[in-house]
Amino acid sequence: MTTAIVLGNGLSRRGIGVQMLSQFAPIYGCNLLYKEFTPTALVATDRPIATEIQESGYSGRARFHTRNPIEGFGAQRVPKKYHGNSSGPIAVALAALDGANLIYMLGFDMGPSPTGKFNNVYANEQHYKKHTDQPTYTGNWIKQIVTITKDFPLTRFVRIMGETTANITEFEGLANFESLPLAQFLEHINNKKDI
């Protein structure tokens, strides 16, 4: 079985070492993750962040996908079918397109912070909302992930549920989609040394 870990940027992944996770599976990620770690593939769809990543030189030395790459900077175009999707769902799709048949989704909180505000590990950074701002609408992300699970019916999608991860009714009943408590995921890694 080929496994991948896709990192969203919800608060539930805060404090979990990305380097440690990379021992177990390829990592796919989004946006400002590039400042702390070089994943197997990075995705950014918001133009200001995508431009920053390309102009930093990152896309010339590592795999980076965006909707409209700047010519000559090495970025790759998002696959056509997922061109209109958001960064996190595109990262999930890339993992599936790369052949992963077990995909763990960590930091896909899709709900507000514990204070009812913007839920993102990069809150207050350039190009991001403040941690006191209203949460981002997640309906489009939910629809996109449901579509991706249907596009890859033989792939198993496992959403890791932390304290800030919202329950999403649209994911219930999907044949190849399940939820796993964060504590159980970490316990397995710590005790079994695999995923």
N, C-alpha and C. Protein backbone atom coordinates (compact mmCIF):
# COMPACT_ATOMS: atom_id res chain seq x y z
N MET A 1 0.85 -1.18 0.00
CA MET A 1 0.00 0.00 0.00
C MET A 1 0.89 1.24 0.00
N THR A 2 0.57 2.19 -0.86
CA THR A 2 1.31 3.44 -0.93
C THR A 2 0.58 4.49 -0.11
N THR A 3 1.29 5.09 0.83
CA THR A 3 0.69 6.04 1.76
C THR A 3 1.21 7.44 1.51
N ALA A 4 0.38 8.44 1.76
CA ALA A 4 0.78 9.85 1.70
C ALA A 4 0.11 10.58 2.86
N ILE A 5 0.74 11.65 3.29
CA ILE A 5 0.16 12.54 4.30
C ILE A 5 -0.02 13.90 3.66
N VAL A 6 -1.24 14.43 3.72
CA VAL A 6 -1.51 15.76 3.19
C VAL A 6 -1.78 16.69 4.37
N LEU A 7 -1.02 17.76 4.42
CA LEU A 7 -1.15 18.72 5.51
C LEU A 7 -2.00 19.90 5.10
N GLY A 8 -3.14 20.05 5.76
CA GLY A 8 -3.86 21.31 5.70
C GLY A 8 -3.21 22.22 6.73
N ASN A 9 -3.70 23.41 6.86
CA ASN A 9 -3.07 24.35 7.78
C ASN A 9 -3.94 24.71 8.97
N GLY A 10 -4.86 23.81 9.33
CA GLY A 10 -5.67 24.02 10.52
C GLY A 10 -4.86 23.86 11.79
N LEU A 11 -5.35 24.45 12.86
CA LEU A 11 -4.64 24.45 14.14
C LEU A 11 -4.42 23.05 14.70
N SER A 12 -5.21 22.07 14.28
CA SER A 12 -5.07 20.73 14.83
C SER A 12 -3.72 20.10 14.53
N ARG A 13 -3.00 20.62 13.56
CA ARG A 13 -1.68 20.04 13.27
C ARG A 13 -0.54 20.78 13.98
N ARG A 14 -0.89 21.83 14.71
CA ARG A 14 0.13 22.59 15.43
C ARG A 14 0.86 21.68 16.43
N GLY A 15 2.18 21.79 16.46
CA GLY A 15 2.97 21.02 17.42
C GLY A 15 3.35 19.63 16.95
N ILE A 16 2.87 19.23 15.78
CA ILE A 16 3.24 17.92 15.23
C ILE A 16 4.38 18.13 14.25
N GLY A 17 5.50 17.50 14.50
CA GLY A 17 6.69 17.72 13.68
C GLY A 17 6.54 17.17 12.28
N VAL A 18 6.65 18.06 11.31
CA VAL A 18 6.54 17.62 9.91
C VAL A 18 7.71 16.72 9.54
N GLN A 19 8.90 17.05 10.04
CA GLN A 19 10.06 16.20 9.75
C GLN A 19 9.81 14.78 10.27
N MET A 20 9.23 14.66 11.45
CA MET A 20 8.92 13.35 12.00
C MET A 20 7.94 12.60 11.11
N LEU A 21 6.89 13.29 10.66
CA LEU A 21 5.90 12.64 9.80
C LEU A 21 6.51 12.17 8.49
N SER A 22 7.49 12.92 7.99
CA SER A 22 8.09 12.58 6.69
C SER A 22 8.87 11.27 6.73
N GLN A 23 9.13 10.74 7.92
CA GLN A 23 9.77 9.42 8.04
C GLN A 23 8.84 8.31 7.58
N PHE A 24 7.53 8.60 7.63
CA PHE A 24 6.54 7.55 7.41
C PHE A 24 5.92 7.58 6.01
N ALA A 25 5.88 8.74 5.39
CA ALA A 25 5.20 8.84 4.09
C ALA A 25 5.57 10.17 3.43
N PRO A 26 5.42 10.25 2.11
CA PRO A 26 5.59 11.54 1.43
C PRO A 26 4.58 12.55 1.98
N ILE A 27 5.00 13.80 2.06
CA ILE A 27 4.17 14.88 2.58
C ILE A 27 3.75 15.79 1.43
N TYR A 28 2.49 16.14 1.39
CA TYR A 28 1.95 17.11 0.45
C TYR A 28 1.41 18.27 1.28
N GLY A 29 1.66 19.49 0.85
CA GLY A 29 1.24 20.61 1.67
C GLY A 29 0.89 21.85 0.88
N CYS A 30 0.61 22.92 1.62
CA CYS A 30 0.07 24.13 1.01
C CYS A 30 0.76 25.39 1.53
N ASN A 31 0.81 26.35 0.66
CA ASN A 31 1.10 27.74 1.01
C ASN A 31 2.40 27.91 1.79
N LEU A 32 2.33 28.52 2.96
CA LEU A 32 3.55 28.90 3.68
C LEU A 32 4.30 27.74 4.32
N LEU A 33 3.81 26.51 4.15
CA LEU A 33 4.57 25.35 4.62
C LEU A 33 5.99 25.39 4.07
N TYR A 34 6.16 25.95 2.89
CA TYR A 34 7.48 25.95 2.25
C TYR A 34 8.54 26.64 3.08
N LYS A 35 8.15 27.52 4.00
CA LYS A 35 9.13 28.23 4.83
C LYS A 35 9.73 27.36 5.92
N GLU A 36 9.06 26.25 6.24
CA GLU A 36 9.56 25.39 7.30
C GLU A 36 9.92 23.98 6.85
N PHE A 37 9.45 23.59 5.65
CA PHE A 37 9.65 22.22 5.21
C PHE A 37 9.45 22.14 3.70
N THR A 38 10.20 21.26 3.05
CA THR A 38 10.02 21.04 1.61
C THR A 38 9.26 19.73 1.42
N PRO A 39 7.96 19.81 1.13
CA PRO A 39 7.17 18.59 0.93
C PRO A 39 7.42 17.97 -0.45
N THR A 40 6.87 16.79 -0.65
CA THR A 40 6.93 16.14 -1.97
C THR A 40 6.31 17.05 -3.02
N ALA A 41 5.20 17.67 -2.68
CA ALA A 41 4.56 18.66 -3.56
C ALA A 41 3.92 19.73 -2.70
N LEU A 42 4.06 20.97 -3.14
CA LEU A 42 3.47 22.13 -2.48
C LEU A 42 2.47 22.75 -3.44
N VAL A 43 1.36 23.24 -2.90
CA VAL A 43 0.32 23.87 -3.71
C VAL A 43 -0.03 25.22 -3.12
N ALA A 44 -0.21 26.21 -3.98
CA ALA A 44 -0.75 27.51 -3.57
C ALA A 44 -1.60 28.05 -4.71
N THR A 45 -2.84 28.38 -4.42
CA THR A 45 -3.72 28.90 -5.45
C THR A 45 -3.94 30.41 -5.33
N ASP A 46 -3.78 30.95 -4.14
CA ASP A 46 -3.94 32.40 -3.99
C ASP A 46 -2.74 33.08 -4.63
N ARG A 47 -3.04 34.01 -5.54
CA ARG A 47 -1.97 34.60 -6.34
C ARG A 47 -0.85 35.24 -5.53
N PRO A 48 -1.12 36.03 -4.47
CA PRO A 48 -0.01 36.65 -3.73
C PRO A 48 0.94 35.63 -3.11
N ILE A 49 0.40 34.56 -2.55
CA ILE A 49 1.26 33.53 -1.94
C ILE A 49 2.00 32.77 -3.04
N ALA A 50 1.30 32.42 -4.11
CA ALA A 50 1.94 31.70 -5.22
C ALA A 50 3.08 32.53 -5.81
N THR A 51 2.87 33.82 -5.94
CA THR A 51 3.92 34.69 -6.48
C THR A 51 5.11 34.73 -5.52
N GLU A 52 4.85 34.87 -4.23
CA GLU A 52 5.92 34.89 -3.24
C GLU A 52 6.75 33.61 -3.33
N ILE A 53 6.08 32.48 -3.41
CA ILE A 53 6.78 31.19 -3.46
C ILE A 53 7.67 31.11 -4.69
N GLN A 54 7.13 31.52 -5.83
CA GLN A 54 7.91 31.45 -7.06
C GLN A 54 9.09 32.43 -7.04
N GLU A 55 8.84 33.63 -6.58
CA GLU A 55 9.91 34.64 -6.56
C GLU A 55 10.98 34.33 -5.52
N SER A 56 10.64 33.48 -4.53
CA SER A 56 11.64 33.09 -3.52
C SER A 56 12.68 32.13 -4.09
N GLY A 57 12.38 31.54 -5.25
CA GLY A 57 13.25 30.54 -5.85
C GLY A 57 12.85 29.12 -5.51
N TYR A 58 11.87 28.97 -4.61
CA TYR A 58 11.45 27.64 -4.18
C TYR A 58 11.02 26.77 -5.36
N SER A 59 10.21 27.33 -6.25
CA SER A 59 9.65 26.54 -7.36
C SER A 59 10.71 26.13 -8.37
N GLY A 60 11.89 26.72 -8.30
CA GLY A 60 12.98 26.32 -9.17
C GLY A 60 13.76 25.12 -8.64
N ARG A 61 13.56 24.83 -7.35
CA ARG A 61 14.31 23.71 -6.75
C ARG A 61 13.42 22.62 -6.16
N ALA A 62 12.11 22.86 -6.09
CA ALA A 62 11.20 21.88 -5.50
C ALA A 62 9.88 21.89 -6.27
N ARG A 63 9.13 20.83 -6.14
CA ARG A 63 7.86 20.68 -6.87
C ARG A 63 6.80 21.61 -6.28
N PHE A 64 6.29 22.48 -7.13
CA PHE A 64 5.29 23.45 -6.72
C PHE A 64 4.23 23.58 -7.80
N HIS A 65 2.96 23.53 -7.39
CA HIS A 65 1.83 23.64 -8.31
C HIS A 65 1.01 24.88 -7.99
N THR A 66 0.60 25.59 -9.03
CA THR A 66 -0.29 26.73 -8.88
C THR A 66 -1.14 26.84 -10.14
N ARG A 67 -2.16 27.68 -10.10
CA ARG A 67 -3.06 27.79 -11.25
C ARG A 67 -2.39 28.42 -12.46
N ASN A 68 -1.69 29.50 -12.23
CA ASN A 68 -1.09 30.26 -13.34
C ASN A 68 0.39 30.51 -13.04
N PRO A 69 1.24 29.53 -13.35
CA PRO A 69 2.66 29.68 -13.04
C PRO A 69 3.29 30.87 -13.78
N ILE A 70 4.25 31.48 -13.11
CA ILE A 70 5.04 32.53 -13.76
C ILE A 70 6.08 31.83 -14.63
N GLU A 71 6.10 32.18 -15.89
CA GLU A 71 7.01 31.51 -16.83
C GLU A 71 8.46 31.67 -16.38
N GLY A 72 9.18 30.55 -16.45
CA GLY A 72 10.60 30.57 -16.14
C GLY A 72 10.96 30.37 -14.68
N PHE A 73 9.94 30.20 -13.81
CA PHE A 73 10.22 30.04 -12.38
C PHE A 73 10.12 28.58 -11.92
N GLY A 74 9.78 27.67 -12.83
CA GLY A 74 9.79 26.24 -12.51
C GLY A 74 8.52 25.68 -11.92
N ALA A 75 7.51 26.50 -11.71
CA ALA A 75 6.26 25.99 -11.13
C ALA A 75 5.49 25.17 -12.16
N GLN A 76 4.69 24.24 -11.66
CA GLN A 76 3.85 23.42 -12.51
C GLN A 76 2.39 23.87 -12.38
N ARG A 77 1.67 23.74 -13.48
CA ARG A 77 0.25 24.10 -13.47
C ARG A 77 -0.55 23.02 -12.73
N VAL A 78 -1.55 23.45 -11.99
CA VAL A 78 -2.47 22.52 -11.33
C VAL A 78 -3.13 21.65 -12.40
N PRO A 79 -3.30 20.34 -12.15
CA PRO A 79 -3.99 19.50 -13.14
C PRO A 79 -5.33 20.12 -13.53
N LYS A 80 -5.62 20.06 -14.82
CA LYS A 80 -6.78 20.76 -15.38
C LYS A 80 -8.08 20.46 -14.65
N LYS A 81 -8.31 19.20 -14.31
CA LYS A 81 -9.56 18.81 -13.66
C LYS A 81 -9.75 19.52 -12.32
N TYR A 82 -8.65 19.88 -11.67
CA TYR A 82 -8.72 20.48 -10.33
C TYR A 82 -8.31 21.95 -10.32
N HIS A 83 -8.28 22.55 -11.50
CA HIS A 83 -7.82 23.94 -11.64
C HIS A 83 -8.59 24.91 -10.76
N GLY A 84 -9.88 24.70 -10.58
CA GLY A 84 -10.69 25.63 -9.80
C GLY A 84 -10.73 25.31 -8.31
N ASN A 85 -10.06 24.25 -7.90
CA ASN A 85 -10.08 23.86 -6.49
C ASN A 85 -9.17 24.73 -5.64
N SER A 86 -9.35 24.61 -4.34
CA SER A 86 -8.51 25.30 -3.38
C SER A 86 -7.24 24.48 -3.12
N SER A 87 -6.28 25.10 -2.46
CA SER A 87 -4.96 24.49 -2.29
C SER A 87 -5.01 23.13 -1.59
N GLY A 88 -5.70 23.03 -0.45
CA GLY A 88 -5.75 21.77 0.29
C GLY A 88 -6.32 20.62 -0.52
N PRO A 89 -7.51 20.80 -1.11
CA PRO A 89 -8.05 19.73 -1.95
C PRO A 89 -7.15 19.37 -3.13
N ILE A 90 -6.49 20.36 -3.72
CA ILE A 90 -5.57 20.05 -4.83
C ILE A 90 -4.43 19.17 -4.32
N ALA A 91 -3.90 19.48 -3.14
CA ALA A 91 -2.82 18.66 -2.57
C ALA A 91 -3.29 17.22 -2.36
N VAL A 92 -4.54 17.05 -1.92
CA VAL A 92 -5.11 15.71 -1.76
C VAL A 92 -5.19 15.01 -3.12
N ALA A 93 -5.66 15.73 -4.13
CA ALA A 93 -5.77 15.15 -5.47
C ALA A 93 -4.40 14.77 -6.02
N LEU A 94 -3.39 15.61 -5.80
CA LEU A 94 -2.04 15.29 -6.28
C LEU A 94 -1.51 14.01 -5.65
N ALA A 95 -1.74 13.84 -4.35
CA ALA A 95 -1.31 12.61 -3.68
C ALA A 95 -1.96 11.39 -4.33
N ALA A 96 -3.26 11.50 -4.63
CA ALA A 96 -3.97 10.39 -5.28
C ALA A 96 -3.46 10.19 -6.71
N LEU A 97 -3.26 11.28 -7.43
CA LEU A 97 -2.74 11.16 -8.81
C LEU A 97 -1.34 10.56 -8.84
N ASP A 98 -0.57 10.80 -7.78
CA ASP A 98 0.77 10.23 -7.68
C ASP A 98 0.77 8.76 -7.29
N GLY A 99 -0.41 8.21 -7.04
CA GLY A 99 -0.53 6.78 -6.79
C GLY A 99 -0.75 6.37 -5.35
N ALA A 100 -0.88 7.32 -4.43
CA ALA A 100 -1.15 6.93 -3.05
C ALA A 100 -2.54 6.33 -2.95
N ASN A 101 -2.64 5.18 -2.29
CA ASN A 101 -3.98 4.59 -2.11
C ASN A 101 -4.41 4.61 -0.64
N LEU A 102 -3.61 5.25 0.21
CA LEU A 102 -3.98 5.55 1.59
C LEU A 102 -3.50 6.97 1.87
N ILE A 103 -4.43 7.88 2.05
CA ILE A 103 -4.08 9.29 2.22
C ILE A 103 -4.60 9.78 3.56
N TYR A 104 -3.66 10.19 4.43
CA TYR A 104 -4.02 10.80 5.71
C TYR A 104 -4.10 12.31 5.50
N MET A 105 -5.16 12.91 5.99
CA MET A 105 -5.38 14.35 5.87
C MET A 105 -5.31 14.96 7.27
N LEU A 106 -4.26 15.69 7.54
CA LEU A 106 -4.02 16.27 8.85
C LEU A 106 -4.09 17.79 8.76
N GLY A 107 -4.81 18.42 9.66
CA GLY A 107 -4.94 19.87 9.63
C GLY A 107 -6.06 20.35 8.72
N PHE A 108 -6.93 19.45 8.30
CA PHE A 108 -8.10 19.81 7.50
C PHE A 108 -9.26 20.08 8.46
N ASP A 109 -9.14 21.13 9.24
CA ASP A 109 -10.09 21.39 10.33
C ASP A 109 -11.46 21.83 9.84
N MET A 110 -11.51 22.67 8.84
CA MET A 110 -12.76 23.11 8.21
C MET A 110 -13.79 23.63 9.20
N GLY A 111 -13.33 24.36 10.15
CA GLY A 111 -14.21 24.97 11.13
C GLY A 111 -13.46 26.08 11.83
N PRO A 112 -14.12 26.80 12.72
CA PRO A 112 -13.46 27.91 13.41
C PRO A 112 -12.48 27.44 14.47
N SER A 113 -11.67 28.36 14.93
CA SER A 113 -10.78 28.11 16.06
C SER A 113 -11.62 27.92 17.32
N PRO A 114 -10.99 27.52 18.44
CA PRO A 114 -11.76 27.37 19.69
C PRO A 114 -12.47 28.66 20.13
N THR A 115 -11.98 29.80 19.67
CA THR A 115 -12.62 31.08 20.01
C THR A 115 -13.63 31.52 18.96
N GLY A 116 -13.88 30.65 17.97
CA GLY A 116 -14.85 30.98 16.92
C GLY A 116 -14.28 31.85 15.83
N LYS A 117 -12.96 31.91 15.73
CA LYS A 117 -12.31 32.79 14.76
C LYS A 117 -11.53 31.99 13.71
N PHE A 118 -10.72 32.70 12.94
CA PHE A 118 -9.93 32.13 11.84
C PHE A 118 -9.03 31.01 12.36
N ASN A 119 -9.14 29.84 11.76
CA ASN A 119 -8.43 28.64 12.20
C ASN A 119 -7.33 28.33 11.19
N ASN A 120 -6.11 28.77 11.48
CA ASN A 120 -5.00 28.52 10.57
C ASN A 120 -3.69 28.73 11.31
N VAL A 121 -2.76 27.80 11.11
CA VAL A 121 -1.46 27.91 11.78
C VAL A 121 -0.67 29.13 11.32
N TYR A 122 -1.03 29.69 10.16
CA TYR A 122 -0.31 30.85 9.64
C TYR A 122 -1.09 32.16 9.83
N ALA A 123 -2.09 32.14 10.70
CA ALA A 123 -2.83 33.38 11.00
C ALA A 123 -1.84 34.46 11.42
N ASN A 124 -2.09 35.66 10.98
CA ASN A 124 -1.28 36.86 11.26
C ASN A 124 -0.04 36.98 10.38
N GLU A 125 0.26 35.97 9.57
CA GLU A 125 1.38 36.06 8.63
C GLU A 125 0.95 36.89 7.42
N GLN A 126 1.94 37.35 6.66
CA GLN A 126 1.63 38.09 5.44
C GLN A 126 0.76 37.22 4.52
N HIS A 127 -0.23 37.81 3.89
CA HIS A 127 -1.19 37.16 2.98
C HIS A 127 -2.27 36.40 3.71
N TYR A 128 -2.28 36.39 5.04
CA TYR A 128 -3.26 35.64 5.80
C TYR A 128 -4.11 36.57 6.66
N LYS A 129 -5.29 36.09 7.02
CA LYS A 129 -6.15 36.82 7.95
C LYS A 129 -5.50 36.84 9.34
N LYS A 130 -6.04 37.70 10.19
CA LYS A 130 -5.62 37.75 11.59
C LYS A 130 -6.32 36.63 12.36
N HIS A 131 -5.75 36.23 13.47
CA HIS A 131 -6.36 35.17 14.28
C HIS A 131 -7.66 35.62 14.92
N THR A 132 -7.92 36.92 14.88
CA THR A 132 -9.17 37.46 15.43
C THR A 132 -10.25 37.64 14.35
N ASP A 133 -9.92 37.34 13.10
CA ASP A 133 -10.88 37.47 12.01
C ASP A 133 -11.89 36.32 12.02
N GLN A 134 -12.96 36.54 11.28
CA GLN A 134 -13.99 35.51 11.15
C GLN A 134 -13.41 34.30 10.40
N PRO A 135 -13.93 33.10 10.69
CA PRO A 135 -13.42 31.91 10.00
C PRO A 135 -13.70 31.94 8.50
N THR A 136 -12.89 31.25 7.77
CA THR A 136 -13.05 31.13 6.32
C THR A 136 -14.21 30.18 6.01
N TYR A 137 -14.99 30.52 4.99
CA TYR A 137 -16.05 29.64 4.51
C TYR A 137 -15.41 28.36 3.96
N THR A 138 -15.90 27.20 4.36
CA THR A 138 -15.27 25.94 3.96
C THR A 138 -16.14 25.07 3.05
N GLY A 139 -17.32 25.57 2.68
CA GLY A 139 -18.22 24.76 1.86
C GLY A 139 -17.59 24.29 0.55
N ASN A 140 -16.79 25.16 -0.07
CA ASN A 140 -16.16 24.76 -1.34
C ASN A 140 -15.13 23.66 -1.10
N TRP A 141 -14.36 23.74 -0.01
CA TRP A 141 -13.37 22.69 0.28
C TRP A 141 -14.07 21.36 0.49
N ILE A 142 -15.18 21.39 1.20
CA ILE A 142 -15.92 20.15 1.48
C ILE A 142 -16.39 19.51 0.18
N LYS A 143 -17.01 20.31 -0.70
CA LYS A 143 -17.49 19.77 -1.98
C LYS A 143 -16.33 19.22 -2.81
N GLN A 144 -15.21 19.91 -2.81
CA GLN A 144 -14.06 19.47 -3.60
C GLN A 144 -13.50 18.15 -3.08
N ILE A 145 -13.42 18.00 -1.78
CA ILE A 145 -12.90 16.75 -1.22
C ILE A 145 -13.87 15.60 -1.48
N VAL A 146 -15.16 15.84 -1.37
CA VAL A 146 -16.14 14.80 -1.70
C VAL A 146 -15.94 14.35 -3.15
N THR A 147 -15.78 15.30 -4.06
CA THR A 147 -15.56 14.96 -5.47
C THR A 147 -14.29 14.14 -5.66
N ILE A 148 -13.21 14.52 -4.98
CA ILE A 148 -11.94 13.80 -5.11
C ILE A 148 -12.08 12.36 -4.61
N THR A 149 -12.79 12.16 -3.49
CA THR A 149 -12.97 10.79 -3.00
C THR A 149 -13.73 9.94 -4.02
N LYS A 150 -14.65 10.57 -4.74
CA LYS A 150 -15.39 9.84 -5.78
C LYS A 150 -14.55 9.61 -7.03
N ASP A 151 -13.62 10.54 -7.31
CA ASP A 151 -12.71 10.37 -8.45
C ASP A 151 -11.75 9.21 -8.24
N PHE A 152 -11.45 8.90 -6.98
CA PHE A 152 -10.48 7.85 -6.65
C PHE A 152 -11.13 6.84 -5.70
N PRO A 153 -12.07 6.04 -6.21
CA PRO A 153 -12.85 5.15 -5.34
C PRO A 153 -12.02 4.04 -4.70
N LEU A 154 -10.85 3.74 -5.23
CA LEU A 154 -10.01 2.68 -4.66
C LEU A 154 -9.00 3.22 -3.65
N THR A 155 -9.01 4.53 -3.46
CA THR A 155 -8.11 5.16 -2.49
C THR A 155 -8.85 5.36 -1.17
N ARG A 156 -8.14 5.09 -0.09
CA ARG A 156 -8.71 5.27 1.26
C ARG A 156 -8.26 6.62 1.78
N PHE A 157 -9.22 7.47 2.15
CA PHE A 157 -8.95 8.81 2.69
C PHE A 157 -9.26 8.80 4.19
N VAL A 158 -8.28 9.22 4.99
CA VAL A 158 -8.43 9.21 6.44
C VAL A 158 -8.18 10.63 6.95
N ARG A 159 -9.23 11.24 7.48
CA ARG A 159 -9.12 12.59 8.03
C ARG A 159 -8.83 12.51 9.52
N ILE A 160 -7.71 13.10 9.93
CA ILE A 160 -7.29 13.08 11.32
C ILE A 160 -8.05 14.17 12.07
N MET A 161 -8.69 13.77 13.15
CA MET A 161 -9.57 14.66 13.91
C MET A 161 -8.90 15.12 15.20
N GLY A 162 -8.53 16.39 15.24
CA GLY A 162 -7.98 16.99 16.44
C GLY A 162 -9.04 17.79 17.17
N GLU A 163 -8.62 18.50 18.21
CA GLU A 163 -9.57 19.27 19.02
C GLU A 163 -10.25 20.38 18.23
N THR A 164 -9.60 20.90 17.20
CA THR A 164 -10.16 22.01 16.43
C THR A 164 -10.74 21.57 15.10
N THR A 165 -10.88 20.25 14.90
CA THR A 165 -11.39 19.72 13.64
C THR A 165 -12.91 19.60 13.72
N ALA A 166 -13.59 20.21 12.76
CA ALA A 166 -15.06 20.19 12.73
C ALA A 166 -15.58 18.87 12.18
N ASN A 167 -16.71 18.42 12.70
CA ASN A 167 -17.40 17.28 12.11
C ASN A 167 -18.11 17.76 10.86
N ILE A 168 -17.95 17.03 9.78
CA ILE A 168 -18.53 17.42 8.49
C ILE A 168 -19.50 16.32 8.05
N THR A 169 -20.77 16.63 8.03
CA THR A 169 -21.77 15.61 7.70
C THR A 169 -21.63 15.09 6.27
N GLU A 170 -21.15 15.94 5.36
CA GLU A 170 -21.01 15.52 3.96
C GLU A 170 -20.00 14.38 3.78
N PHE A 171 -19.10 14.21 4.75
CA PHE A 171 -18.11 13.14 4.65
C PHE A 171 -18.65 11.80 5.16
N GLU A 172 -19.73 11.87 5.92
CA GLU A 172 -20.30 10.64 6.47
C GLU A 172 -20.95 9.83 5.35
N GLY A 173 -20.70 8.56 5.36
CA GLY A 173 -21.30 7.69 4.36
C GLY A 173 -20.48 7.52 3.09
N LEU A 174 -19.39 8.28 2.95
CA LEU A 174 -18.51 8.06 1.80
C LEU A 174 -17.80 6.73 2.02
N ALA A 175 -17.87 5.85 1.04
CA ALA A 175 -17.38 4.48 1.21
C ALA A 175 -15.88 4.41 1.50
N ASN A 176 -15.12 5.35 0.96
CA ASN A 176 -13.66 5.28 1.09
C ASN A 176 -13.10 6.41 1.95
N PHE A 177 -13.93 6.93 2.84
CA PHE A 177 -13.53 8.06 3.70
C PHE A 177 -13.82 7.71 5.14
N GLU A 178 -12.86 7.99 6.01
CA GLU A 178 -13.06 7.72 7.44
C GLU A 178 -12.37 8.79 8.27
N SER A 179 -12.71 8.83 9.53
CA SER A 179 -12.10 9.75 10.48
C SER A 179 -11.32 8.96 11.51
N LEU A 180 -10.22 9.57 11.99
CA LEU A 180 -9.37 8.93 12.99
C LEU A 180 -8.96 9.98 14.00
N PRO A 181 -9.17 9.73 15.29
CA PRO A 181 -8.75 10.71 16.29
C PRO A 181 -7.24 10.95 16.23
N LEU A 182 -6.84 12.21 16.40
CA LEU A 182 -5.43 12.57 16.37
C LEU A 182 -4.63 11.76 17.39
N ALA A 183 -5.15 11.59 18.58
CA ALA A 183 -4.43 10.85 19.62
C ALA A 183 -4.14 9.42 19.17
N GLN A 184 -5.10 8.81 18.50
CA GLN A 184 -4.91 7.43 18.02
C GLN A 184 -3.87 7.39 16.91
N PHE A 185 -3.90 8.36 16.02
CA PHE A 185 -2.89 8.46 14.95
C PHE A 185 -1.49 8.59 15.54
N LEU A 186 -1.33 9.49 16.50
CA LEU A 186 -0.02 9.71 17.11
C LEU A 186 0.43 8.52 17.94
N GLU A 187 -0.50 7.88 18.62
CA GLU A 187 -0.15 6.69 19.40
C GLU A 187 0.37 5.59 18.50
N HIS A 188 -0.27 5.42 17.36
CA HIS A 188 0.18 4.40 16.41
C HIS A 188 1.58 4.71 15.91
N ILE A 189 1.84 5.96 15.57
CA ILE A 189 3.17 6.35 15.11
C ILE A 189 4.20 6.11 16.20
N ASN A 190 3.88 6.52 17.43
CA ASN A 190 4.84 6.41 18.53
C ASN A 190 5.11 4.97 18.94
N ASN A 191 4.10 4.12 18.86
CA ASN A 191 4.25 2.73 19.32
C ASN A 191 4.60 1.75 18.21
N LYS A 192 3.97 1.93 17.06
CA LYS A 192 4.18 0.99 15.96
C LYS A 192 5.30 1.45 15.02
N LYS A 193 5.61 2.75 15.11
CA LYS A 193 6.66 3.34 14.27
C LYS A 193 6.31 3.25 12.79
N ASP A 194 5.03 3.25 12.50
CA ASP A 194 4.59 3.30 11.10
C ASP A 194 3.18 3.87 11.07
N ILE A 195 2.64 4.03 9.88
CA ILE A 195 1.25 4.41 9.73
C ILE A 195 0.65 3.45 8.77
